[in-house]
N, C-alpha and C. Protein backbone atom coordinates (compact mmCIF):
# COMPACT_ATOMS: atom_id res chain seq x y z
N UNK A 1 15.90 9.47 7.52
CA UNK A 1 15.93 8.30 7.01
C UNK A 1 15.46 7.16 7.51
N UNK A 2 14.11 6.15 7.40
CA UNK A 2 13.84 5.57 8.40
C UNK A 2 14.60 3.70 7.57
N UNK A 3 15.50 3.47 7.59
CA UNK A 3 16.49 2.20 7.09
C UNK A 3 15.70 1.16 7.23
N UNK A 4 15.09 -0.05 6.79
CA UNK A 4 14.61 -0.68 6.55
C UNK A 4 15.92 -2.34 6.70
N UNK A 5 15.76 -3.54 7.51
CA UNK A 5 16.82 -4.68 7.40
C UNK A 5 16.83 -5.32 6.01
N UNK A 6 17.00 -6.03 6.16
CA UNK A 6 17.00 -7.38 4.37
C UNK A 6 16.54 -9.00 5.03
N UNK A 7 15.24 -8.38 5.92
CA UNK A 7 14.25 -9.31 6.32
C UNK A 7 13.14 -9.54 5.02
N UNK A 8 12.49 -11.02 5.03
CA UNK A 8 11.71 -10.86 3.62
C UNK A 8 10.44 -10.08 3.95
N UNK A 9 10.33 -9.64 4.55
CA UNK A 9 8.67 -8.62 5.31
C UNK A 9 9.22 -7.76 6.09
N UNK A 10 8.30 -6.79 6.28
CA UNK A 10 8.66 -5.26 7.06
C UNK A 10 7.77 -5.09 7.32
N UNK A 11 6.35 -5.50 8.17
CA UNK A 11 5.17 -4.79 8.43
C UNK A 11 5.01 -3.34 9.14
N UNK A 12 4.08 -2.58 7.95
CA UNK A 12 3.61 -1.43 7.63
C UNK A 12 2.70 -1.34 9.09
N UNK A 13 1.58 -2.06 8.47
CA UNK A 13 0.84 -2.19 9.78
C UNK A 13 -0.09 -3.38 10.14
N UNK A 14 -0.79 -3.96 10.93
CA UNK A 14 -2.38 -5.12 10.71
C UNK A 14 -3.09 -4.26 12.32
N UNK A 15 -2.96 -3.58 12.38
CA UNK A 15 -3.75 -2.72 13.18
C UNK A 15 -4.07 -3.59 14.46
N UNK A 16 -3.55 -3.90 15.11
CA UNK A 16 -3.20 -4.39 16.66
C UNK A 16 -3.89 -3.28 17.42
N UNK A 17 -2.87 -2.23 17.43
CA UNK A 17 -3.53 -1.18 18.36
C UNK A 17 -4.72 -0.17 18.05
N UNK A 18 -5.59 -0.41 18.74
CA UNK A 18 -6.63 -0.20 18.69
C UNK A 18 -6.70 1.86 18.53
N UNK A 19 -7.22 2.18 17.59
CA UNK A 19 -6.95 3.99 16.95
C UNK A 19 -5.34 4.20 17.89
N UNK A 20 -4.23 3.44 17.43
CA UNK A 20 -2.89 3.51 17.67
C UNK A 20 -2.25 4.15 16.38
N UNK A 21 -0.48 4.33 16.15
CA UNK A 21 0.09 4.51 15.25
C UNK A 21 -0.21 3.55 14.56
N UNK A 22 0.37 3.72 13.26
CA UNK A 22 1.21 2.20 12.40
C UNK A 22 1.56 1.35 13.05
N UNK A 23 2.94 0.60 12.75
CA UNK A 23 3.95 0.05 13.21
C UNK A 23 5.10 1.11 12.78
N UNK A 24 5.31 1.58 11.86
CA UNK A 24 6.20 2.33 11.63
C UNK A 24 6.01 3.88 12.83
N UNK A 25 4.90 3.81 13.55
CA UNK A 25 4.54 5.20 14.36
C UNK A 25 3.87 6.46 13.65
N UNK A 26 3.56 6.28 12.30
CA UNK A 26 2.62 7.08 11.96
C UNK A 26 1.44 7.04 12.03
N UNK A 27 0.86 7.52 11.81
CA UNK A 27 -1.42 7.79 11.81
C UNK A 27 -1.80 7.74 10.49
N UNK A 28 -2.99 7.03 10.58
CA UNK A 28 -3.53 7.01 9.01
C UNK A 28 -4.76 8.36 9.14
N UNK A 29 -5.12 8.63 8.00
CA UNK A 29 -5.72 9.97 7.70
C UNK A 29 -5.99 9.60 6.50
N UNK A 30 -7.87 10.17 6.79
CA UNK A 30 -8.69 10.27 5.51
C UNK A 30 -8.47 11.79 4.70
N UNK A 31 -8.49 11.37 3.95
CA UNK A 31 -7.87 12.29 2.58
C UNK A 31 -9.39 12.38 1.19
N UNK A 32 -9.82 13.82 1.13
CA UNK A 32 -10.99 13.33 0.28
C UNK A 32 -10.78 14.24 -1.17
N UNK A 33 -11.79 14.43 -2.04
CA UNK A 33 -10.81 15.67 -2.91
C UNK A 33 -11.61 16.95 -2.47
N UNK A 34 -12.28 17.01 -1.73
CA UNK A 34 -12.22 17.72 -1.26
C UNK A 34 -12.03 18.33 -0.44
N UNK A 35 -10.48 18.24 -0.75
CA UNK A 35 -9.12 19.34 -0.59
C UNK A 35 -9.68 20.26 -2.09
N UNK A 36 -10.00 19.70 -2.76
CA UNK A 36 -9.68 20.60 -4.30
C UNK A 36 -10.98 21.22 -4.59
N UNK A 37 -12.11 20.72 -3.74
CA UNK A 37 -13.43 21.26 -4.30
C UNK A 37 -14.32 20.53 -4.94
N UNK A 38 -13.92 19.19 -4.23
CA UNK A 38 -15.25 17.77 -4.81
C UNK A 38 -15.93 17.75 -3.36
N UNK A 39 -16.77 16.97 -3.66
CA UNK A 39 -18.14 16.39 -3.17
C UNK A 39 -17.82 14.74 -2.41
N UNK A 40 -16.98 14.18 -2.69
CA UNK A 40 -16.85 13.08 -2.26
C UNK A 40 -16.66 13.02 -0.83
N UNK A 41 -17.32 11.73 -0.64
CA UNK A 41 -17.21 11.61 0.92
C UNK A 41 -16.48 10.26 1.55
N UNK A 42 -15.89 10.19 2.77
CA UNK A 42 -15.92 8.94 3.18
C UNK A 42 -15.20 9.25 4.60
N UNK A 43 -15.15 7.58 4.96
CA UNK A 43 -14.81 7.46 6.85
C UNK A 43 -13.80 6.06 6.53
N UNK A 44 -12.82 6.28 7.45
CA UNK A 44 -11.36 5.76 8.06
C UNK A 44 -12.55 5.10 9.06
N UNK A 45 -12.44 3.41 9.62
CA UNK A 45 -12.73 2.90 10.40
C UNK A 45 -11.73 2.00 10.85
N UNK A 46 -11.75 1.45 12.38
CA UNK A 46 -11.05 0.43 12.64
C UNK A 46 -12.13 -1.19 13.30
N UNK A 47 -11.65 -2.18 12.37
CA UNK A 47 -13.15 -3.23 12.35
C UNK A 47 -12.59 -4.21 12.59
N UNK A 48 -13.56 -5.20 13.53
CA UNK A 48 -13.17 -6.85 13.35
C UNK A 48 -14.51 -6.79 12.16
N UNK A 49 -13.45 -7.82 10.74
CA UNK A 49 -14.04 -7.96 10.18
C UNK A 49 -14.05 -9.42 10.01
N UNK A 50 -14.11 -10.41 10.05
CA UNK A 50 -14.28 -12.45 10.06
C UNK A 50 -13.22 -12.56 10.67
N UNK A 51 -13.11 -11.67 11.75
CA UNK A 51 -12.48 -12.61 12.88
C UNK A 51 -10.76 -11.72 12.77
N UNK A 52 -11.01 -10.73 12.00
CA UNK A 52 -9.65 -9.84 11.85
C UNK A 52 -10.13 -8.31 11.34
N UNK A 53 -8.54 -7.92 12.46
CA UNK A 53 -8.79 -6.23 12.77
C UNK A 53 -7.90 -5.79 11.24
N UNK A 54 -9.24 -4.49 11.18
CA UNK A 54 -8.74 -4.26 9.44
C UNK A 54 -9.38 -2.34 10.22
N UNK A 55 -8.28 -1.78 8.92
CA UNK A 55 -8.75 -0.72 8.80
C UNK A 55 -9.71 -0.31 7.36
N UNK A 56 -11.06 0.12 7.26
CA UNK A 56 -12.06 0.12 6.02
C UNK A 56 -12.07 1.78 6.08
N UNK A 57 -11.58 1.30 4.69
CA UNK A 57 -11.92 3.41 4.13
C UNK A 57 -13.63 3.14 3.76
N UNK A 58 -14.16 3.18 3.59
CA UNK A 58 -15.80 3.44 3.10
C UNK A 58 -16.05 4.42 2.80
N UNK A 59 -17.18 4.35 1.05
CA UNK A 59 -17.21 6.23 1.16
C UNK A 59 -17.80 5.90 -0.22
N UNK A 60 -17.98 7.39 -0.35
CA UNK A 60 -19.07 7.17 -1.62
C UNK A 60 -18.33 8.52 -2.92
N UNK A 61 -17.73 8.26 -3.73
CA UNK A 61 -16.99 8.19 -4.70
C UNK A 61 -17.28 9.68 -5.74
N UNK A 62 -17.28 10.45 -5.65
CA UNK A 62 -18.15 11.58 -6.82
C UNK A 62 -16.90 11.74 -7.49
N UNK A 63 -18.17 12.38 -8.53
CA UNK A 63 -16.65 13.45 -10.31
C UNK A 63 -17.18 14.88 -10.35
N UNK A 64 -18.33 15.26 -9.09
CA UNK A 64 -18.72 17.11 -9.50
C UNK A 64 -17.70 17.72 -8.85
N UNK A 65 -17.68 18.82 -9.40
CA UNK A 65 -16.42 19.94 -9.01
C UNK A 65 -15.27 19.46 -9.02
N UNK A 66 -14.70 18.62 -9.58
CA UNK A 66 -13.38 18.57 -10.62
C UNK A 66 -12.94 17.10 -9.20
N UNK A 67 -13.93 16.63 -9.27
CA UNK A 67 -13.42 15.77 -7.89
C UNK A 67 -13.05 14.15 -8.46
N UNK A 68 -13.54 13.25 -7.20
CA UNK A 68 -12.95 11.71 -7.94
C UNK A 68 -11.98 10.87 -6.31
N UNK A 69 -12.37 11.45 -5.30
CA UNK A 69 -11.23 9.99 -4.61
C UNK A 69 -11.26 10.36 -3.32
N UNK A 70 -11.78 9.41 -2.62
CA UNK A 70 -11.56 9.10 -1.73
C UNK A 70 -10.28 8.22 -0.77
N UNK A 71 -9.18 8.14 0.17
CA UNK A 71 -8.52 7.99 -0.27
C UNK A 71 -7.80 7.75 1.99
N UNK A 72 -6.69 6.62 2.32
CA UNK A 72 -6.83 6.60 3.21
C UNK A 72 -5.42 6.73 3.64
N UNK A 73 -4.60 7.39 3.98
CA UNK A 73 -3.11 7.91 3.29
C UNK A 73 -2.41 7.53 4.68
N UNK A 74 -1.19 7.61 5.19
CA UNK A 74 -0.12 6.91 5.96
C UNK A 74 1.02 8.03 5.38
N UNK A 75 1.82 8.20 6.58
CA UNK A 75 3.90 8.79 5.70
C UNK A 75 3.99 7.77 6.35
N UNK A 76 4.83 7.36 5.84
CA UNK A 76 5.94 6.52 5.94
C UNK A 76 7.27 5.91 7.08
N UNK A 77 6.90 7.08 7.97
CA UNK A 77 8.41 7.69 8.25
C UNK A 77 7.31 8.88 8.47
N UNK A 78 8.16 9.19 10.28
CA UNK A 78 7.93 9.99 11.44
C UNK A 78 8.32 11.15 10.66
N UNK A 79 9.31 11.53 10.44
CA UNK A 79 10.02 12.42 9.46
C UNK A 79 11.15 11.78 9.02
N UNK A 80 11.22 12.65 7.42
CA UNK A 80 11.97 12.00 6.14
C UNK A 80 11.67 10.42 5.45
N UNK A 81 12.07 9.74 5.53
CA UNK A 81 11.54 8.32 3.94
C UNK A 81 11.32 7.30 4.78
N UNK A 82 11.23 6.84 4.21
CA UNK A 82 11.36 5.09 4.37
C UNK A 82 12.50 4.49 2.88
N UNK A 83 13.77 3.74 3.46
CA UNK A 83 13.90 3.50 2.18
C UNK A 83 14.11 2.11 2.33
N UNK A 84 13.74 1.53 1.05
CA UNK A 84 12.75 0.25 0.73
C UNK A 84 13.50 -0.22 -0.55
N UNK A 85 14.73 0.05 -0.78
CA UNK A 85 15.81 -1.05 -1.32
C UNK A 85 15.68 -2.27 -1.46
N UNK A 86 16.10 -2.22 -0.83
CA UNK A 86 16.18 -4.15 -0.28
C UNK A 86 15.05 -5.18 -0.24
N UNK A 87 13.57 -4.29 -0.73
CA UNK A 87 12.30 -5.06 -0.85
C UNK A 87 11.73 -4.88 -2.63
N UNK A 88 11.32 -5.87 -2.99
CA UNK A 88 10.09 -6.17 -4.24
C UNK A 88 8.96 -5.26 -4.10
N UNK A 89 8.15 -4.96 -2.99
CA UNK A 89 7.66 -4.63 -3.65
C UNK A 89 6.39 -4.44 -2.08
N UNK A 90 4.93 -3.68 -2.50
CA UNK A 90 4.19 -4.15 -1.57
C UNK A 90 3.14 -5.02 -0.86
N UNK A 91 2.32 -5.96 -0.16
CA UNK A 91 2.36 -6.13 0.70
C UNK A 91 0.90 -6.26 1.20
N UNK A 92 -0.38 -6.44 0.94
CA UNK A 92 -1.10 -6.18 1.25
C UNK A 92 -2.63 -7.67 1.20
N UNK A 93 -3.07 -8.04 2.58
CA UNK A 93 -4.04 -8.80 3.01
C UNK A 93 -5.16 -7.85 2.91
N UNK A 94 -6.41 -7.98 1.85
CA UNK A 94 -7.40 -7.71 2.01
C UNK A 94 -8.42 -7.73 1.50
N UNK A 95 -9.88 -7.03 1.39
CA UNK A 95 -10.92 -7.67 0.84
C UNK A 95 -12.22 -6.19 0.74
N UNK A 96 -13.12 -6.79 -0.27
CA UNK A 96 -13.29 -5.07 -1.08
C UNK A 96 -15.18 -5.94 -0.92
N UNK A 97 -15.13 -5.18 -1.85
CA UNK A 97 -16.72 -4.44 -2.38
C UNK A 97 -16.37 -5.29 -4.43
N UNK A 98 -16.02 -5.77 -4.38
CA UNK A 98 -15.82 -6.13 -5.70
C UNK A 98 -14.86 -4.87 -6.87
N UNK A 99 -15.39 -3.54 -6.32
CA UNK A 99 -14.35 -2.42 -6.80
C UNK A 99 -12.88 -3.13 -7.42
N UNK A 100 -12.09 -2.15 -7.68
CA UNK A 100 -10.34 -1.49 -8.01
C UNK A 100 -10.50 -0.97 -7.20
N UNK A 101 -8.79 -1.21 -6.70
CA UNK A 101 -8.74 0.18 -5.90
C UNK A 101 -6.98 0.86 -6.52
N UNK A 102 -6.70 1.64 -5.99
CA UNK A 102 -5.31 1.47 -6.17
C UNK A 102 -4.34 2.39 -4.58
N UNK A 103 -3.05 1.69 -5.04
CA UNK A 103 -2.12 1.86 -4.18
C UNK A 103 -1.14 2.86 -4.66
N UNK A 104 -1.51 4.55 -4.04
CA UNK A 104 -0.18 5.35 -4.30
C UNK A 104 0.79 5.48 -3.41
N UNK A 105 2.03 5.53 -4.50
CA UNK A 105 3.08 5.72 -3.25
C UNK A 105 3.76 6.92 -3.58
N UNK A 106 4.39 8.32 -2.66
CA UNK A 106 5.08 9.62 -3.28
C UNK A 106 6.55 9.24 -2.25
N UNK A 107 6.90 9.95 -3.20
CA UNK A 107 8.87 9.89 -2.89
C UNK A 107 8.90 11.42 -2.40
N UNK A 108 9.83 11.26 -1.59
CA UNK A 108 10.51 12.94 -1.68
C UNK A 108 11.30 14.02 -3.00
N UNK A 109 10.71 13.34 -4.21
CA UNK A 109 11.39 14.24 -5.32
C UNK A 109 10.16 15.02 -6.05
N UNK A 110 9.37 14.19 -4.57
CA UNK A 110 7.52 14.65 -5.36
C UNK A 110 7.34 16.11 -4.92
N UNK A 111 6.83 16.90 -5.44
CA UNK A 111 6.14 18.06 -4.58
C UNK A 111 5.08 18.49 -4.48
N UNK A 112 4.50 18.31 -5.75
CA UNK A 112 2.64 18.66 -6.76
C UNK A 112 1.75 17.30 -5.60
N UNK A 113 1.10 17.74 -5.68
CA UNK A 113 0.02 16.99 -4.28
C UNK A 113 -0.89 15.55 -5.06
N UNK A 114 -0.63 15.84 -6.66
CA UNK A 114 -1.17 15.60 -7.70
C UNK A 114 -0.37 14.05 -8.26
N UNK A 115 1.03 14.45 -8.26
CA UNK A 115 1.79 13.95 -8.53
C UNK A 115 1.96 12.38 -7.59
N UNK A 116 2.49 11.20 -8.60
CA UNK A 116 2.46 10.00 -7.58
C UNK A 116 2.79 9.01 -8.16
N UNK A 117 3.25 7.35 -7.87
CA UNK A 117 2.93 6.58 -8.61
C UNK A 117 1.90 4.85 -8.21
N UNK A 118 1.41 4.70 -9.02
CA UNK A 118 0.27 4.33 -8.78
C UNK A 118 0.02 2.92 -9.09
N UNK A 119 -0.21 1.94 -8.44
CA UNK A 119 -1.24 0.59 -9.05
C UNK A 119 -2.26 0.37 -8.51
N UNK A 120 -2.88 -0.78 -9.95
CA UNK A 120 -4.38 -0.82 -8.57
C UNK A 120 -4.26 -2.72 -8.55
N UNK A 121 -5.75 -2.88 -7.82
CA UNK A 121 -5.67 -4.21 -7.56
C UNK A 121 -7.49 -4.15 -7.02
N UNK A 122 -7.55 -5.55 -7.48
CA UNK A 122 -9.35 -5.90 -7.39
C UNK A 122 -9.58 -5.85 -6.15
N UNK A 123 -10.37 -6.30 -5.96
CA UNK A 123 -11.04 -6.76 -4.38
C UNK A 123 -12.12 -7.67 -4.62
N UNK A 124 -12.81 -8.51 -3.42
CA UNK A 124 -13.61 -9.45 -3.45
C UNK A 124 -14.25 -9.68 -2.32
N UNK A 125 -15.38 -10.24 -2.05
CA UNK A 125 -15.79 -10.61 -0.22
C UNK A 125 -14.88 -11.25 0.39
N UNK A 126 -13.61 -12.04 0.14
CA UNK A 126 -12.96 -12.63 1.11
C UNK A 126 -11.92 -11.85 0.65
N UNK A 127 -10.57 -12.25 2.05
CA UNK A 127 -9.72 -12.41 2.67
C UNK A 127 -9.06 -12.41 1.85
N UNK A 128 -7.91 -11.63 0.81
CA UNK A 128 -6.58 -12.86 -0.11
C UNK A 128 -5.27 -11.53 0.10
N UNK A 129 -4.23 -12.36 0.02
CA UNK A 129 -3.32 -11.63 0.11
C UNK A 129 -3.08 -10.79 -1.34
N UNK A 130 -2.36 -9.78 -1.38
CA UNK A 130 -2.10 -8.90 -2.43
C UNK A 130 -0.39 -8.44 -2.70
N UNK A 131 -0.22 -8.91 -3.94
CA UNK A 131 1.22 -8.17 -3.92
C UNK A 131 1.11 -7.50 -5.60
N UNK A 132 1.97 -6.31 -4.64
CA UNK A 132 1.61 -5.50 -5.87
C UNK A 132 3.58 -4.97 -6.12
N UNK A 133 4.63 -5.40 -7.06
CA UNK A 133 5.71 -5.38 -6.94
C UNK A 133 5.83 -3.83 -7.45
N UNK A 134 7.03 -2.75 -7.19
CA UNK A 134 7.02 -1.20 -7.28
C UNK A 134 7.45 -1.56 -9.05
N UNK A 135 7.53 -2.18 -9.58
CA UNK A 135 8.06 -2.12 -11.39
C UNK A 135 6.67 -2.22 -11.51
N UNK A 136 5.57 -2.53 -10.90
CA UNK A 136 4.36 -2.09 -11.77
C UNK A 136 3.60 -0.90 -11.12
N UNK A 137 4.09 -0.24 -10.58
CA UNK A 137 3.90 1.74 -10.36
C UNK A 137 4.18 1.70 -11.22
N UNK A 138 2.51 3.05 -11.81
CA UNK A 138 3.54 3.96 -13.03
C UNK A 138 2.72 5.23 -12.29
N UNK A 139 4.12 5.99 -13.33
CA UNK A 139 4.58 7.39 -12.73
C UNK A 139 2.78 8.47 -12.86
N UNK A 140 2.55 9.00 -12.24
CA UNK A 140 1.23 9.76 -12.55
C UNK A 140 1.48 10.91 -12.48
N UNK A 141 1.96 11.77 -13.86
CA UNK A 141 1.95 13.64 -13.49
C UNK A 141 3.56 13.66 -12.86
N UNK A 142 4.56 13.16 -13.53
CA UNK A 142 5.78 13.22 -13.41
C UNK A 142 6.53 12.46 -14.00
N UNK A 143 7.65 12.68 -14.57
CA UNK A 143 8.57 11.89 -15.50
C UNK A 143 9.43 10.74 -14.77
N UNK A 144 9.93 11.60 -13.75
CA UNK A 144 11.09 10.47 -13.03
C UNK A 144 10.43 9.53 -12.20
N UNK A 145 11.40 8.88 -12.45
CA UNK A 145 11.36 6.78 -11.72
C UNK A 145 11.16 6.82 -10.18
N UNK A 146 10.48 5.67 -10.00
CA UNK A 146 10.53 5.74 -8.57
C UNK A 146 11.48 5.16 -7.63
N UNK A 147 11.14 5.86 -6.91
CA UNK A 147 13.18 5.88 -6.31
C UNK A 147 12.34 5.17 -4.55
N UNK A 148 12.79 4.18 -4.87
CA UNK A 148 12.35 3.36 -3.66
C UNK A 148 13.04 3.34 -2.03
N UNK A 149 14.29 4.08 -2.67
CA UNK A 149 15.07 4.91 -1.42
C UNK A 149 14.58 5.36 -0.34
N UNK A 150 13.51 6.75 -1.09
CA UNK A 150 12.87 7.27 -0.14
C UNK A 150 11.42 7.97 -0.48
N UNK A 151 10.69 6.68 0.30
CA UNK A 151 9.40 6.89 -0.22
C UNK A 151 8.63 7.83 0.91
N UNK A 152 8.06 8.26 0.94
CA UNK A 152 7.56 9.54 1.66
C UNK A 152 6.52 8.74 2.73
N UNK A 153 5.61 8.73 1.38
CA UNK A 153 4.07 7.75 1.90
C UNK A 153 3.14 7.20 1.06
N UNK A 154 1.97 6.42 0.94
CA UNK A 154 1.32 5.63 0.61
C UNK A 154 -0.13 5.77 0.80
N UNK A 155 -0.54 6.00 -0.15
CA UNK A 155 -2.22 5.56 0.53
C UNK A 155 -2.98 4.59 0.01
N UNK A 156 -3.99 4.00 0.25
CA UNK A 156 -5.33 3.14 -0.25
C UNK A 156 -6.19 4.58 -1.14
N UNK A 157 -6.93 3.84 -2.33
CA UNK A 157 -7.59 4.99 -2.81
C UNK A 157 -8.54 4.51 -3.74
N UNK A 158 -9.66 4.79 -3.42
CA UNK A 158 -10.79 4.68 -4.56
C UNK A 158 -10.85 6.23 -5.64
N UNK A 159 -10.71 5.89 -6.51
CA UNK A 159 -10.47 6.87 -7.27
C UNK A 159 -10.88 6.83 -8.68
N UNK A 160 -11.28 7.79 -9.57
CA UNK A 160 -11.41 8.13 -10.39
C UNK A 160 -12.67 7.99 -12.00
N UNK A 161 -13.74 7.35 -10.93
CA UNK A 161 -15.00 7.03 -11.42
C UNK A 161 -15.99 7.37 -10.29
N UNK A 162 -17.60 7.02 -10.27
CA UNK A 162 -18.61 7.27 -9.20
C UNK A 162 -18.97 6.22 -8.96
N UNK A 163 -18.55 6.27 -7.52
CA UNK A 163 -19.43 3.99 -7.29
C UNK A 163 -18.84 4.52 -5.45
N UNK A 164 -19.77 3.13 -4.29
CA UNK A 164 -19.46 2.98 -3.66
C UNK A 164 -18.02 2.80 -2.91
N UNK A 165 -17.29 2.64 -2.38
CA UNK A 165 -16.24 2.09 -1.89
C UNK A 165 -16.10 1.58 -0.19
N UNK A 166 -15.69 0.64 -0.62
CA UNK A 166 -15.39 -0.50 0.79
C UNK A 166 -14.39 -0.98 0.50
N UNK A 167 -13.51 -0.97 1.72
CA UNK A 167 -11.94 -1.72 1.16
C UNK A 167 -11.67 -1.77 2.52
N UNK A 168 -11.15 -2.67 3.06
CA UNK A 168 -10.83 -3.50 4.33
C UNK A 168 -9.24 -4.37 4.24
N UNK A 169 -8.32 -3.95 4.81
CA UNK A 169 -7.14 -4.07 4.95
C UNK A 169 -7.05 -4.44 6.30
N UNK A 170 -6.07 -5.69 6.22
CA UNK A 170 -5.51 -6.37 7.60
C UNK A 170 -4.61 -6.09 7.85
N UNK A 171 -3.47 -6.49 6.88
CA UNK A 171 -2.59 -6.50 6.85
C UNK A 171 -1.47 -5.31 6.14
N UNK A 172 -0.32 -4.76 5.81
CA UNK A 172 0.33 -4.36 4.90
C UNK A 172 1.59 -3.54 5.10
N UNK A 173 2.07 -4.23 4.62
CA UNK A 173 3.82 -3.61 4.22
C UNK A 173 4.76 -4.41 3.64
N UNK A 174 5.94 -4.28 3.86
CA UNK A 174 7.12 -5.22 2.06
C UNK A 174 7.09 -5.54 1.87
N UNK A 175 7.62 -6.40 0.70
CA UNK A 175 8.18 -7.91 0.23
C UNK A 175 9.08 -8.13 -0.63
N UNK A 176 10.03 -8.89 0.32
CA UNK A 176 10.83 -8.97 -0.58
C UNK A 176 10.94 -10.73 -1.36
N UNK A 177 11.32 -10.55 -2.48
CA UNK A 177 11.53 -11.92 -3.22
C UNK A 177 12.94 -12.81 -3.12
N UNK A 178 12.63 -13.98 -2.63
CA UNK A 178 14.23 -14.74 -2.88
C UNK A 178 14.84 -15.46 -3.97
N UNK A 179 15.12 -16.66 -3.68
CA UNK A 179 14.87 -17.61 -4.80
C UNK A 179 14.27 -18.57 -4.33
N UNK A 180 13.97 -19.23 -5.12
CA UNK A 180 12.83 -20.13 -5.02
C UNK A 180 12.83 -21.34 -4.33
N UNK A 181 12.13 -22.00 -3.28
CA UNK A 181 12.91 -23.04 -2.54
C UNK A 181 13.52 -24.36 -3.50
N UNK A 182 12.74 -24.23 -4.30
CA UNK A 182 12.97 -25.44 -5.54
C UNK A 182 14.34 -25.01 -5.94
N UNK A 183 14.75 -23.35 -6.39
CA UNK A 183 15.94 -23.70 -7.29
C UNK A 183 17.23 -23.83 -5.35
N UNK A 184 16.70 -23.56 -4.70
CA UNK A 184 17.89 -23.78 -3.11
C UNK A 184 17.99 -24.42 -3.07
N UNK A 185 16.88 -25.98 -3.53
CA UNK A 185 16.86 -26.76 -2.58
C UNK A 185 17.79 -27.74 -3.91
N UNK A 186 17.55 -27.44 -5.56
CA UNK A 186 18.67 -27.78 -6.32
C UNK A 186 20.06 -27.69 -6.06
N UNK A 187 20.51 -26.33 -5.54
CA UNK A 187 21.71 -25.79 -5.19
C UNK A 187 22.14 -26.75 -4.42
N UNK A 188 21.41 -27.43 -3.18
CA UNK A 188 21.89 -28.02 -2.13
C UNK A 188 22.17 -29.61 -2.66
N UNK A 189 21.00 -29.90 -3.45
CA UNK A 189 21.49 -31.49 -3.89
C UNK A 189 22.54 -31.72 -4.80
N UNK A 190 23.17 -30.44 -5.43
CA UNK A 190 24.84 -30.11 -5.94
C UNK A 190 25.48 -30.39 -5.85
N UNK A 191 25.27 -29.49 -4.18
CA UNK A 191 26.27 -28.93 -2.95
C UNK A 191 26.62 -30.87 -2.37
N UNK A 192 25.24 -31.79 -2.27
CA UNK A 192 26.03 -32.72 -1.47
C UNK A 192 26.31 -33.96 -2.65
N UNK A 193 25.85 -34.04 -3.56
CA UNK A 193 26.74 -33.89 -5.20
C UNK A 193 28.35 -34.28 -5.51
N UNK A 194 28.54 -32.79 -5.74
CA UNK A 194 29.98 -32.57 -5.24
C UNK A 194 31.15 -32.78 -3.90
N UNK A 195 30.40 -33.48 -3.23
CA UNK A 195 30.75 -34.00 -1.69
C UNK A 195 31.35 -35.22 -1.50
N UNK A 196 30.47 -35.85 -2.62
CA UNK A 196 30.25 -37.48 -2.63
C UNK A 196 31.53 -37.59 -2.88
């Protein structure tokens, strides 16, 4: 199992290494509904988009033959699991074509390919930070709660309806919420008053 420190962020990838592995040492891969007889088509590419290196998922999601997805998938550890219990959720720096996309998580407990934990996010033509707290991930075809101590993989997914997909991600990682700066300032002021 890969343990994470208690830093405020853990960078999974910033795509700085051309055609290289993620910052976790694992490669991104394209998965489509072709694995189950669907006809959706897609491609993954590293591109320079508005001055940022990014992983771009492009494709055509089609519903024929019970299909309906294209995905950029990443294992979160070379062997075993990623322990993300010290973090609040997943952070993305992303842009797209105005469509809604999913981020899927899989854990060690999920054995079937259609099981996952899912959260959706909207995209637009400008780069924006997206934060998906672990508490916002819904179980899909499983009754098990999300165990962030045993994350196995993640997927950036265009799914569920026929549409043209174009999603670019310049950074992806884990984030942790701490006390707000204002609350810390108030505590510091209280300590100063007590010292007087």
